[in-house]
Amino acid sequence: MVRKSYRLAINRQRKANKNKISKSLESSLLNGNNRSFWKVWNANFKDKGHHQPTTINKISDPKLLCEMLAEILKLLVIQMIMSSIY
């Protein structure tokens, strides 16, 4: 029972950290703070050579990940523009 509680707490903390990173990246982008965005990005996703490369949706190629991020951001901007119009 204690082990299960411990594992649940660990998983909750991991999810909270991922949300914090996502919110920090989003905030930097929305505020137009490129320096802050790349600082957060590099701190969390840059391959430091001592761990497995970042993999998202089974993609680990940095160029493809950047293209995927660009598409998501493009859709986000379009959505923000459309919501401010209507």
N, C-alpha and C. Protein backbone atom coordinates (compact mmCIF):
# COMPACT_ATOMS: atom_id res chain seq x y z
N MET A 1 0.82 -1.20 0.00
CA MET A 1 0.00 0.00 0.00
C MET A 1 0.87 1.26 0.00
N VAL A 2 1.92 1.25 0.81
CA VAL A 2 2.82 2.40 0.88
C VAL A 2 3.56 2.56 -0.45
N ARG A 3 3.97 1.45 -1.03
CA ARG A 3 4.68 1.50 -2.30
C ARG A 3 3.78 2.09 -3.40
N LYS A 4 2.52 1.70 -3.41
CA LYS A 4 1.58 2.21 -4.41
C LYS A 4 1.39 3.72 -4.24
N SER A 5 1.25 4.17 -3.01
CA SER A 5 1.11 5.60 -2.74
C SER A 5 2.35 6.36 -3.20
N TYR A 6 3.51 5.78 -2.94
CA TYR A 6 4.77 6.39 -3.33
C TYR A 6 4.85 6.52 -4.86
N ARG A 7 4.52 5.46 -5.56
CA ARG A 7 4.55 5.48 -7.03
C ARG A 7 3.56 6.50 -7.59
N LEU A 8 2.37 6.58 -7.00
CA LEU A 8 1.38 7.56 -7.44
C LEU A 8 1.90 8.98 -7.24
N ALA A 9 2.55 9.21 -6.11
CA ALA A 9 3.11 10.54 -5.83
C ALA A 9 4.20 10.88 -6.84
N ILE A 10 5.04 9.92 -7.18
CA ILE A 10 6.10 10.14 -8.17
C ILE A 10 5.49 10.48 -9.53
N ASN A 11 4.48 9.70 -9.94
CA ASN A 11 3.84 9.95 -11.24
C ASN A 11 3.15 11.31 -11.28
N ARG A 12 2.51 11.70 -10.19
CA ARG A 12 1.86 13.01 -10.14
C ARG A 12 2.90 14.13 -10.28
N GLN A 13 4.03 13.95 -9.61
CA GLN A 13 5.09 14.97 -9.68
C GLN A 13 5.66 15.06 -11.09
N ARG A 14 5.84 13.94 -11.76
CA ARG A 14 6.33 13.95 -13.14
C ARG A 14 5.37 14.70 -14.05
N LYS A 15 4.06 14.42 -13.90
CA LYS A 15 3.06 15.11 -14.72
C LYS A 15 3.05 16.60 -14.42
N ALA A 16 3.18 16.95 -13.15
CA ALA A 16 3.20 18.37 -12.78
C ALA A 16 4.41 19.07 -13.40
N ASN A 17 5.57 18.40 -13.40
CA ASN A 17 6.77 18.98 -14.00
C ASN A 17 6.60 19.16 -15.50
N LYS A 18 6.00 18.19 -16.18
CA LYS A 18 5.77 18.31 -17.62
C LYS A 18 4.84 19.48 -17.91
N ASN A 19 3.78 19.63 -17.10
CA ASN A 19 2.85 20.75 -17.29
C ASN A 19 3.55 22.08 -17.05
N LYS A 20 4.43 22.12 -16.06
CA LYS A 20 5.16 23.34 -15.75
C LYS A 20 6.05 23.74 -16.93
N ILE A 21 6.73 22.76 -17.52
CA ILE A 21 7.59 23.03 -18.67
C ILE A 21 6.75 23.53 -19.84
N SER A 22 5.62 22.86 -20.10
CA SER A 22 4.75 23.27 -21.21
C SER A 22 4.23 24.68 -21.01
N LYS A 23 3.80 25.00 -19.79
CA LYS A 23 3.27 26.34 -19.51
C LYS A 23 4.36 27.39 -19.62
N SER A 24 5.57 27.05 -19.21
CA SER A 24 6.68 27.98 -19.31
C SER A 24 7.02 28.27 -20.77
N LEU A 25 7.05 27.22 -21.59
CA LEU A 25 7.31 27.40 -23.03
C LEU A 25 6.20 28.24 -23.67
N GLU A 26 4.97 27.91 -23.36
CA GLU A 26 3.83 28.63 -23.93
C GLU A 26 3.86 30.11 -23.53
N SER A 27 4.14 30.35 -22.25
CA SER A 27 4.20 31.73 -21.76
C SER A 27 5.28 32.52 -22.48
N SER A 28 6.44 31.91 -22.65
CA SER A 28 7.55 32.59 -23.34
C SER A 28 7.17 32.93 -24.77
N LEU A 29 6.48 32.02 -25.44
CA LEU A 29 6.08 32.26 -26.82
C LEU A 29 5.03 33.34 -26.92
N LEU A 30 4.03 33.28 -26.03
CA LEU A 30 2.95 34.26 -26.09
C LEU A 30 3.44 35.66 -25.76
N ASN A 31 4.45 35.75 -24.90
CA ASN A 31 5.00 37.06 -24.53
C ASN A 31 6.08 37.52 -25.49
N GLY A 32 6.39 36.70 -26.50
CA GLY A 32 7.40 37.08 -27.48
C GLY A 32 8.81 37.08 -26.94
N ASN A 33 9.03 36.30 -25.89
CA ASN A 33 10.35 36.26 -25.26
C ASN A 33 11.14 35.07 -25.79
N ASN A 34 11.81 35.28 -26.92
CA ASN A 34 12.55 34.19 -27.56
C ASN A 34 13.68 33.66 -26.69
N ARG A 35 14.38 34.54 -26.01
CA ARG A 35 15.51 34.12 -25.18
C ARG A 35 15.04 33.19 -24.07
N SER A 36 13.94 33.55 -23.43
CA SER A 36 13.39 32.72 -22.36
C SER A 36 12.91 31.37 -22.90
N PHE A 37 12.26 31.40 -24.07
CA PHE A 37 11.78 30.16 -24.69
C PHE A 37 12.93 29.19 -24.91
N TRP A 38 14.01 29.66 -25.54
CA TRP A 38 15.12 28.77 -25.85
C TRP A 38 15.87 28.33 -24.61
N LYS A 39 15.87 29.17 -23.60
CA LYS A 39 16.50 28.78 -22.34
C LYS A 39 15.76 27.59 -21.72
N VAL A 40 14.43 27.68 -21.68
CA VAL A 40 13.62 26.57 -21.15
C VAL A 40 13.75 25.35 -22.05
N TRP A 41 13.68 25.56 -23.36
CA TRP A 41 13.77 24.45 -24.31
C TRP A 41 15.09 23.70 -24.14
N ASN A 42 16.20 24.42 -24.16
CA ASN A 42 17.51 23.78 -24.05
C ASN A 42 17.70 23.10 -22.70
N ALA A 43 17.19 23.69 -21.65
CA ALA A 43 17.34 23.10 -20.32
C ALA A 43 16.58 21.78 -20.21
N ASN A 44 15.51 21.63 -20.97
CA ASN A 44 14.67 20.44 -20.81
C ASN A 44 14.75 19.45 -21.95
N PHE A 45 15.12 19.90 -23.15
CA PHE A 45 15.07 19.00 -24.29
C PHE A 45 16.38 18.83 -25.03
N LYS A 46 17.35 19.67 -24.76
CA LYS A 46 18.63 19.57 -25.47
C LYS A 46 19.36 18.31 -25.00
N ASP A 47 19.86 17.54 -25.97
CA ASP A 47 20.57 16.31 -25.66
C ASP A 47 21.93 16.66 -25.05
N LYS A 48 22.12 16.27 -23.80
CA LYS A 48 23.36 16.58 -23.10
C LYS A 48 24.38 15.46 -23.23
N GLY A 49 24.06 14.44 -24.03
CA GLY A 49 25.00 13.37 -24.31
C GLY A 49 25.05 12.26 -23.27
N HIS A 50 24.30 12.37 -22.21
CA HIS A 50 24.36 11.34 -21.18
C HIS A 50 23.01 10.63 -20.97
N HIS A 51 22.09 10.84 -21.88
CA HIS A 51 20.80 10.16 -21.77
C HIS A 51 20.23 9.92 -23.17
N GLN A 52 19.14 9.22 -23.20
CA GLN A 52 18.48 8.95 -24.48
C GLN A 52 17.95 10.26 -25.06
N PRO A 53 17.96 10.40 -26.39
CA PRO A 53 17.39 11.60 -27.00
C PRO A 53 15.90 11.71 -26.68
N THR A 54 15.41 12.92 -26.69
CA THR A 54 13.99 13.15 -26.45
C THR A 54 13.17 12.47 -27.54
N THR A 55 12.14 11.75 -27.12
CA THR A 55 11.25 11.08 -28.06
C THR A 55 9.82 11.52 -27.78
N ILE A 56 9.16 12.02 -28.80
CA ILE A 56 7.76 12.44 -28.69
C ILE A 56 7.01 11.78 -29.84
N ASN A 57 5.95 11.06 -29.50
CA ASN A 57 5.18 10.32 -30.50
C ASN A 57 6.07 9.45 -31.37
N LYS A 58 7.02 8.78 -30.74
CA LYS A 58 7.97 7.86 -31.39
C LYS A 58 8.89 8.57 -32.38
N ILE A 59 9.05 9.89 -32.24
CA ILE A 59 9.96 10.66 -33.09
C ILE A 59 11.08 11.17 -32.20
N SER A 60 12.33 10.90 -32.61
CA SER A 60 13.46 11.39 -31.83
C SER A 60 14.42 12.26 -32.64
N ASP A 61 14.18 12.39 -33.93
CA ASP A 61 15.02 13.24 -34.78
C ASP A 61 14.75 14.71 -34.45
N PRO A 62 15.78 15.46 -34.04
CA PRO A 62 15.57 16.85 -33.64
C PRO A 62 14.91 17.72 -34.71
N LYS A 63 15.28 17.51 -35.97
CA LYS A 63 14.66 18.31 -37.05
C LYS A 63 13.17 18.03 -37.15
N LEU A 64 12.79 16.76 -37.09
CA LEU A 64 11.37 16.41 -37.17
C LEU A 64 10.61 16.93 -35.96
N LEU A 65 11.24 16.87 -34.78
CA LEU A 65 10.59 17.40 -33.58
C LEU A 65 10.37 18.90 -33.70
N CYS A 66 11.34 19.61 -34.25
CA CYS A 66 11.19 21.06 -34.45
C CYS A 66 10.08 21.36 -35.45
N GLU A 67 10.01 20.58 -36.51
CA GLU A 67 8.94 20.77 -37.51
C GLU A 67 7.58 20.50 -36.88
N MET A 68 7.50 19.46 -36.06
CA MET A 68 6.25 19.14 -35.38
C MET A 68 5.85 20.29 -34.44
N LEU A 69 6.83 20.82 -33.69
CA LEU A 69 6.56 21.94 -32.80
C LEU A 69 6.09 23.16 -33.59
N ALA A 70 6.74 23.42 -34.72
CA ALA A 70 6.35 24.56 -35.56
C ALA A 70 4.91 24.43 -36.04
N GLU A 71 4.51 23.25 -36.44
CA GLU A 71 3.13 23.03 -36.90
C GLU A 71 2.14 23.27 -35.76
N ILE A 72 2.46 22.75 -34.59
CA ILE A 72 1.58 22.93 -33.42
C ILE A 72 1.46 24.41 -33.09
N LEU A 73 2.58 25.12 -33.10
CA LEU A 73 2.56 26.54 -32.78
C LEU A 73 1.79 27.33 -33.83
N LYS A 74 1.93 26.95 -35.09
CA LYS A 74 1.20 27.62 -36.16
C LYS A 74 -0.31 27.46 -35.94
N LEU A 75 -0.72 26.26 -35.61
CA LEU A 75 -2.14 26.02 -35.34
C LEU A 75 -2.62 26.79 -34.11
N LEU A 76 -1.76 26.88 -33.11
CA LEU A 76 -2.11 27.62 -31.90
C LEU A 76 -2.30 29.09 -32.20
N VAL A 77 -1.41 29.66 -33.00
CA VAL A 77 -1.52 31.08 -33.37
C VAL A 77 -2.79 31.32 -34.17
N ILE A 78 -3.07 30.46 -35.13
CA ILE A 78 -4.29 30.59 -35.93
C ILE A 78 -5.52 30.54 -35.04
N GLN A 79 -5.51 29.60 -34.09
CA GLN A 79 -6.64 29.46 -33.17
C GLN A 79 -6.79 30.73 -32.32
N MET A 80 -5.68 31.29 -31.86
CA MET A 80 -5.74 32.51 -31.05
C MET A 80 -6.27 33.67 -31.86
N ILE A 81 -5.84 33.78 -33.11
CA ILE A 81 -6.31 34.86 -33.97
C ILE A 81 -7.81 34.72 -34.24
N MET A 82 -8.22 33.51 -34.55
CA MET A 82 -9.64 33.28 -34.85
C MET A 82 -10.51 33.54 -33.61
N SER A 83 -10.03 33.18 -32.43
CA SER A 83 -10.84 33.40 -31.22
C SER A 83 -10.91 34.86 -30.86
N SER A 84 -9.90 35.66 -31.24
CA SER A 84 -9.96 37.09 -30.94
C SER A 84 -10.85 37.83 -31.94
N ILE A 85 -11.03 37.26 -33.12
CA ILE A 85 -11.89 37.88 -34.14
C ILE A 85 -13.36 37.67 -33.79
N TYR A 86 -13.67 36.49 -33.30
CA TYR A 86 -15.08 36.16 -33.04
C TYR A 86 -15.42 36.33 -31.61
